[in-house]
Amino acid sequence: MTQILLNVSDDSKLKDLEKILAELDYVTIEKNAKKQPKKKASFLDAAGVWKNRSVSADEIRNKAWN
């Protein structure tokens, strides 16, 4: 089976296209919800991750290298 992904820029035309394709017995239509754009991660999103941890830089360094 071959799949084709169509991007339709005009939602009003989408229904017409779906009607046409639905008439073809060899075509099945699978709809996918619109994907939300991913939010770009910011360096400041990690602020406070180590807030309640009492870990020194020396301990981290020792665990990393040993």
PDB file of N, CA and C in Angstrom:
ATOM      1  N   MET A   1       0.843  -1.177   0.000  1.00  0.00           N
ATOM      2  CA  MET A   1       0.000   0.000   0.000  1.00  0.00           C
ATOM      3  C   MET A   1       0.888   1.239   0.000  1.00  0.00           C
ATOM      4  N   THR A   2       0.574   2.182  -0.812  1.00  0.00           N
ATOM      5  CA  THR A   2       1.291   3.446  -0.880  1.00  0.00           C
ATOM      6  C   THR A   2       0.510   4.504  -0.126  1.00  0.00           C
ATOM      7  N   GLN A   3       1.226   5.326   0.632  1.00  0.00           N
ATOM      8  CA  GLN A   3       0.584   6.402   1.379  1.00  0.00           C
ATOM      9  C   GLN A   3       1.007   7.739   0.813  1.00  0.00           C
ATOM     10  N   ILE A   4       0.062   8.675   0.843  1.00  0.00           N
ATOM     11  CA  ILE A   4       0.330  10.036   0.390  1.00  0.00           C
ATOM     12  C   ILE A   4      -0.115  10.980   1.491  1.00  0.00           C
ATOM     13  N   LEU A   5       0.729  11.908   1.843  1.00  0.00           N
ATOM     14  CA  LEU A   5       0.405  12.917   2.838  1.00  0.00           C
ATOM     15  C   LEU A   5       0.056  14.204   2.098  1.00  0.00           C
ATOM     16  N   LEU A   6      -1.129  14.725   2.363  1.00  0.00           N
ATOM     17  CA  LEU A   6      -1.570  15.953   1.716  1.00  0.00           C
ATOM     18  C   LEU A   6      -1.663  17.078   2.737  1.00  0.00           C
ATOM     19  N   ASN A   7      -1.136  18.221   2.405  1.00  0.00           N
ATOM     20  CA  ASN A   7      -1.291  19.409   3.234  1.00  0.00           C
ATOM     21  C   ASN A   7      -2.274  20.329   2.521  1.00  0.00           C
ATOM     22  N   VAL A   8      -3.395  20.599   3.166  1.00  0.00           N
ATOM     23  CA  VAL A   8      -4.431  21.439   2.565  1.00  0.00           C
ATOM     24  C   VAL A   8      -4.426  22.774   3.288  1.00  0.00           C
ATOM     25  N   SER A   9      -4.166  23.835   2.553  1.00  0.00           N
ATOM     26  CA  SER A   9      -4.041  25.152   3.180  1.00  0.00           C
ATOM     27  C   SER A   9      -5.387  25.822   3.426  1.00  0.00           C
ATOM     28  N   ASP A  10      -6.407  25.427   2.697  1.00  0.00           N
ATOM     29  CA  ASP A  10      -7.727  26.045   2.832  1.00  0.00           C
ATOM     30  C   ASP A  10      -8.707  25.013   3.385  1.00  0.00           C
ATOM     31  N   ASP A  11      -9.102  25.188   4.643  1.00  0.00           N
ATOM     32  CA  ASP A  11      -9.978  24.207   5.296  1.00  0.00           C
ATOM     33  C   ASP A  11     -11.329  24.072   4.601  1.00  0.00           C
ATOM     34  N   SER A  12     -11.785  25.128   3.953  1.00  0.00           N
ATOM     35  CA  SER A  12     -13.078  25.033   3.267  1.00  0.00           C
ATOM     36  C   SER A  12     -13.000  24.085   2.065  1.00  0.00           C
ATOM     37  N   LYS A  13     -11.850  23.958   1.470  1.00  0.00           N
ATOM     38  CA  LYS A  13     -11.654  23.053   0.332  1.00  0.00           C
ATOM     39  C   LYS A  13     -11.419  21.616   0.798  1.00  0.00           C
ATOM     40  N   LEU A  14     -11.033  21.450   2.044  1.00  0.00           N
ATOM     41  CA  LEU A  14     -10.734  20.116   2.570  1.00  0.00           C
ATOM     42  C   LEU A  14     -11.950  19.202   2.499  1.00  0.00           C
ATOM     43  N   LYS A  15     -13.108  19.689   2.860  1.00  0.00           N
ATOM     44  CA  LYS A  15     -14.324  18.871   2.834  1.00  0.00           C
ATOM     45  C   LYS A  15     -14.640  18.401   1.414  1.00  0.00           C
ATOM     46  N   ASP A  16     -14.444  19.279   0.447  1.00  0.00           N
ATOM     47  CA  ASP A  16     -14.680  18.890  -0.952  1.00  0.00           C
ATOM     48  C   ASP A  16     -13.712  17.785  -1.371  1.00  0.00           C
ATOM     49  N   LEU A  17     -12.460  17.941  -1.000  1.00  0.00           N
ATOM     50  CA  LEU A  17     -11.462  16.933  -1.338  1.00  0.00           C
ATOM     51  C   LEU A  17     -11.792  15.597  -0.674  1.00  0.00           C
ATOM     52  N   GLU A  18     -12.211  15.643   0.580  1.00  0.00           N
ATOM     53  CA  GLU A  18     -12.581  14.413   1.290  1.00  0.00           C
ATOM     54  C   GLU A  18     -13.758  13.714   0.613  1.00  0.00           C
ATOM     55  N   LYS A  19     -14.733  14.485   0.150  1.00  0.00           N
ATOM     56  CA  LYS A  19     -15.895  13.898  -0.536  1.00  0.00           C
ATOM     57  C   LYS A  19     -15.466  13.185  -1.815  1.00  0.00           C
ATOM     58  N   ILE A  20     -14.575  13.818  -2.552  1.00  0.00           N
ATOM     59  CA  ILE A  20     -14.097  13.219  -3.804  1.00  0.00           C
ATOM     60  C   ILE A  20     -13.342  11.925  -3.518  1.00  0.00           C
ATOM     61  N   LEU A  21     -12.445  11.968  -2.544  1.00  0.00           N
ATOM     62  CA  LEU A  21     -11.642  10.781  -2.231  1.00  0.00           C
ATOM     63  C   LEU A  21     -12.478   9.667  -1.626  1.00  0.00           C
ATOM     64  N   ALA A  22     -13.516  10.016  -0.890  1.00  0.00           N
ATOM     65  CA  ALA A  22     -14.378   9.008  -0.273  1.00  0.00           C
ATOM     66  C   ALA A  22     -15.143   8.210  -1.323  1.00  0.00           C
ATOM     67  N   GLU A  23     -15.351   8.773  -2.481  1.00  0.00           N
ATOM     68  CA  GLU A  23     -16.059   8.091  -3.564  1.00  0.00           C
ATOM     69  C   GLU A  23     -15.210   6.994  -4.211  1.00  0.00           C
ATOM     70  N   LEU A  24     -13.915   7.057  -4.018  1.00  0.00           N
ATOM     71  CA  LEU A  24     -13.009   6.067  -4.603  1.00  0.00           C
ATOM     72  C   LEU A  24     -12.910   4.875  -3.663  1.00  0.00           C
ATOM     73  N   ASP A  25     -13.296   3.701  -4.151  1.00  0.00           N
ATOM     74  CA  ASP A  25     -13.333   2.523  -3.292  1.00  0.00           C
ATOM     75  C   ASP A  25     -11.948   1.996  -2.924  1.00  0.00           C
ATOM     76  N   TYR A  26     -10.921   2.438  -3.583  1.00  0.00           N
ATOM     77  CA  TYR A  26      -9.564   1.979  -3.298  1.00  0.00           C
ATOM     78  C   TYR A  26      -8.767   2.967  -2.440  1.00  0.00           C
ATOM     79  N   VAL A  27      -9.446   3.984  -1.914  1.00  0.00           N
ATOM     80  CA  VAL A  27      -8.787   4.997  -1.082  1.00  0.00           C
ATOM     81  C   VAL A  27      -9.428   4.996   0.295  1.00  0.00           C
ATOM     82  N   THR A  28      -8.600   4.971   1.328  1.00  0.00           N
ATOM     83  CA  THR A  28      -9.089   5.147   2.695  1.00  0.00           C
ATOM     84  C   THR A  28      -8.511   6.443   3.245  1.00  0.00           C
ATOM     85  N   ILE A  29      -9.279   7.099   4.079  1.00  0.00           N
ATOM     86  CA  ILE A  29      -8.866   8.384   4.634  1.00  0.00           C
ATOM     87  C   ILE A  29      -8.620   8.219   6.124  1.00  0.00           C
ATOM     88  N   GLU A  30      -7.455   8.627   6.548  1.00  0.00           N
ATOM     89  CA  GLU A  30      -7.112   8.646   7.967  1.00  0.00           C
ATOM     90  C   GLU A  30      -6.751  10.077   8.325  1.00  0.00           C
ATOM     91  N   LYS A  31      -7.471  10.628   9.285  1.00  0.00           N
ATOM     92  CA  LYS A  31      -7.199  12.009   9.691  1.00  0.00           C
ATOM     93  C   LYS A  31      -6.256  12.026  10.877  1.00  0.00           C
ATOM     94  N   ASN A  32      -5.355  12.970  10.864  1.00  0.00           N
ATOM     95  CA  ASN A  32      -4.464  13.220  11.991  1.00  0.00           C
ATOM     96  C   ASN A  32      -4.768  14.618  12.509  1.00  0.00           C
ATOM     97  N   ALA A  33      -4.773  14.744  13.815  1.00  0.00           N
ATOM     98  CA  ALA A  33      -4.987  16.060  14.411  1.00  0.00           C
ATOM     99  C   ALA A  33      -3.805  16.956  14.077  1.00  0.00           C
ATOM    100  N   LYS A  34      -4.062  18.235  14.030  1.00  0.00           N
ATOM    101  CA  LYS A  34      -2.976  19.174  13.754  1.00  0.00           C
ATOM    102  C   LYS A  34      -1.983  19.119  14.898  1.00  0.00           C
ATOM    103  N   LYS A  35      -0.728  19.084  14.546  1.00  0.00           N
ATOM    104  CA  LYS A  35       0.322  19.022  15.548  1.00  0.00           C
ATOM    105  C   LYS A  35       0.575  20.419  16.086  1.00  0.00           C
ATOM    106  N   GLN A  36       0.735  20.478  17.387  1.00  0.00           N
ATOM    107  CA  GLN A  36       1.069  21.743  18.025  1.00  0.00           C
ATOM    108  C   GLN A  36       2.557  21.995  17.831  1.00  0.00           C
ATOM    109  N   PRO A  37       2.924  23.220  17.511  1.00  0.00           N
ATOM    110  CA  PRO A  37       4.352  23.498  17.360  1.00  0.00           C
ATOM    111  C   PRO A  37       5.068  23.301  18.694  1.00  0.00           C
ATOM    112  N   LYS A  38       6.247  22.719  18.620  1.00  0.00           N
ATOM    113  CA  LYS A  38       7.010  22.470  19.833  1.00  0.00           C
ATOM    114  C   LYS A  38       7.576  23.777  20.367  1.00  0.00           C
ATOM    115  N   LYS A  39       7.506  23.912  21.677  1.00  0.00           N
ATOM    116  CA  LYS A  39       8.065  25.090  22.320  1.00  0.00           C
ATOM    117  C   LYS A  39       9.567  24.893  22.409  1.00  0.00           C
ATOM    118  N   LYS A  40      10.316  25.874  21.997  1.00  0.00           N
ATOM    119  CA  LYS A  40      11.766  25.785  22.092  1.00  0.00           C
ATOM    120  C   LYS A  40      12.158  25.864  23.558  1.00  0.00           C
ATOM    121  N   ALA A  41      13.029  24.973  23.962  1.00  0.00           N
ATOM    122  CA  ALA A  41      13.488  24.944  25.342  1.00  0.00           C
ATOM    123  C   ALA A  41      14.416  26.127  25.603  1.00  0.00           C
ATOM    124  N   SER A  42      14.250  26.703  26.741  1.00  0.00           N
ATOM    125  CA  SER A  42      15.086  27.815  27.147  1.00  0.00           C
ATOM    126  C   SER A  42      16.040  27.335  28.235  1.00  0.00           C
ATOM    127  N   PHE A  43      17.191  27.906  28.274  1.00  0.00           N
ATOM    128  CA  PHE A  43      18.154  27.566  29.322  1.00  0.00           C
ATOM    129  C   PHE A  43      17.555  27.837  30.696  1.00  0.00           C
ATOM    130  N   LEU A  44      16.761  28.873  30.804  1.00  0.00           N
ATOM    131  CA  LEU A  44      16.175  29.247  32.091  1.00  0.00           C
ATOM    132  C   LEU A  44      15.069  28.292  32.538  1.00  0.00           C
ATOM    133  N   ASP A  45      14.578  27.416  31.646  1.00  0.00           N
ATOM    134  CA  ASP A  45      13.575  26.427  32.042  1.00  0.00           C
ATOM    135  C   ASP A  45      14.128  25.472  33.101  1.00  0.00           C
ATOM    136  N   ALA A  46      15.436  25.318  33.137  1.00  0.00           N
ATOM    137  CA  ALA A  46      16.067  24.418  34.099  1.00  0.00           C
ATOM    138  C   ALA A  46      16.401  25.114  35.416  1.00  0.00           C
ATOM    139  N   ALA A  47      16.066  26.364  35.530  1.00  0.00           N
ATOM    140  CA  ALA A  47      16.363  27.109  36.757  1.00  0.00           C
ATOM    141  C   ALA A  47      15.653  26.473  37.944  1.00  0.00           C
ATOM    142  N   GLY A  48      16.380  26.264  39.020  1.00  0.00           N
ATOM    143  CA  GLY A  48      15.807  25.711  40.235  1.00  0.00           C
ATOM    144  C   GLY A  48      15.800  24.198  40.314  1.00  0.00           C
ATOM    145  N   VAL A  49      16.354  23.515  39.334  1.00  0.00           N
ATOM    146  CA  VAL A  49      16.352  22.050  39.340  1.00  0.00           C
ATOM    147  C   VAL A  49      17.110  21.515  40.556  1.00  0.00           C
ATOM    148  N   TRP A  50      18.187  22.160  40.910  1.00  0.00           N
ATOM    149  CA  TRP A  50      19.021  21.721  42.036  1.00  0.00           C
ATOM    150  C   TRP A  50      18.697  22.506  43.303  1.00  0.00           C
ATOM    151  N   LYS A  51      17.594  23.168  43.352  1.00  0.00           N
ATOM    152  CA  LYS A  51      17.226  24.081  44.439  1.00  0.00           C
ATOM    153  C   LYS A  51      17.320  23.441  45.829  1.00  0.00           C
ATOM    154  N   ASN A  52      16.727  22.309  46.035  1.00  0.00           N
ATOM    155  CA  ASN A  52      16.676  21.682  47.358  1.00  0.00           C
ATOM    156  C   ASN A  52      17.671  20.535  47.515  1.00  0.00           C
ATOM    157  N   ARG A  53      18.731  20.529  46.721  1.00  0.00           N
ATOM    158  CA  ARG A  53      19.742  19.468  46.793  1.00  0.00           C
ATOM    159  C   ARG A  53      21.015  20.051  47.398  1.00  0.00           C
ATOM    160  N   SER A  54      21.571  19.362  48.341  1.00  0.00           N
ATOM    161  CA  SER A  54      22.832  19.812  48.938  1.00  0.00           C
ATOM    162  C   SER A  54      23.964  18.973  48.358  1.00  0.00           C
ATOM    163  N   VAL A  55      24.330  19.274  47.142  1.00  0.00           N
ATOM    164  CA  VAL A  55      25.394  18.566  46.444  1.00  0.00           C
ATOM    165  C   VAL A  55      26.444  19.592  46.050  1.00  0.00           C
ATOM    166  N   SER A  56      27.693  19.285  46.360  1.00  0.00           N
ATOM    167  CA  SER A  56      28.764  20.216  46.011  1.00  0.00           C
ATOM    168  C   SER A  56      29.308  19.892  44.623  1.00  0.00           C
ATOM    169  N   ALA A  57      29.992  20.854  44.067  1.00  0.00           N
ATOM    170  CA  ALA A  57      30.613  20.657  42.754  1.00  0.00           C
ATOM    171  C   ALA A  57      31.649  19.542  42.817  1.00  0.00           C
ATOM    172  N   ASP A  58      32.352  19.414  43.954  1.00  0.00           N
ATOM    173  CA  ASP A  58      33.357  18.355  44.111  1.00  0.00           C
ATOM    174  C   ASP A  58      32.702  16.969  44.060  1.00  0.00           C
ATOM    175  N   GLU A  59      31.532  16.816  44.693  1.00  0.00           N
ATOM    176  CA  GLU A  59      30.841  15.525  44.669  1.00  0.00           C
ATOM    177  C   GLU A  59      30.423  15.154  43.249  1.00  0.00           C
ATOM    178  N   ILE A  60      29.918  16.116  42.526  1.00  0.00           N
ATOM    179  CA  ILE A  60      29.499  15.878  41.138  1.00  0.00           C
ATOM    180  C   ILE A  60      30.705  15.497  40.297  1.00  0.00           C
ATOM    181  N   ARG A  61      31.801  16.226  40.483  1.00  0.00           N
ATOM    182  CA  ARG A  61      33.022  15.958  39.722  1.00  0.00           C
ATOM    183  C   ARG A  61      33.560  14.564  40.033  1.00  0.00           C
ATOM    184  N   ASN A  62      33.549  14.171  41.295  1.00  0.00           N
ATOM    185  CA  ASN A  62      34.040  12.843  41.671  1.00  0.00           C
ATOM    186  C   ASN A  62      33.191  11.730  41.060  1.00  0.00           C
ATOM    187  N   LYS A  63      31.877  11.910  41.079  1.00  0.00           N
ATOM    188  CA  LYS A  63      30.994  10.894  40.492  1.00  0.00           C
ATOM    189  C   LYS A  63      31.166  10.806  38.978  1.00  0.00           C
ATOM    190  N   ALA A  64      31.450  11.930  38.355  1.00  0.00           N
ATOM    191  CA  ALA A  64      31.609  11.945  36.909  1.00  0.00           C
ATOM    192  C   ALA A  64      32.902  11.271  36.457  1.00  0.00           C
ATOM    193  N   TRP A  65      33.956  11.440  37.221  1.00  0.00           N
ATOM    194  CA  TRP A  65      35.256  10.940  36.786  1.00  0.00           C
ATOM    195  C   TRP A  65      35.670   9.641  37.447  1.00  0.00           C
ATOM    196  N   ASN A  66      34.903   9.150  38.374  1.00  0.00           N
ATOM    197  CA  ASN A  66      35.284   7.894  39.047  1.00  0.00           C
ATOM    198  C   ASN A  66      34.243   6.815  38.829  1.00  0.00           C
TER     199      ASN A  66
END
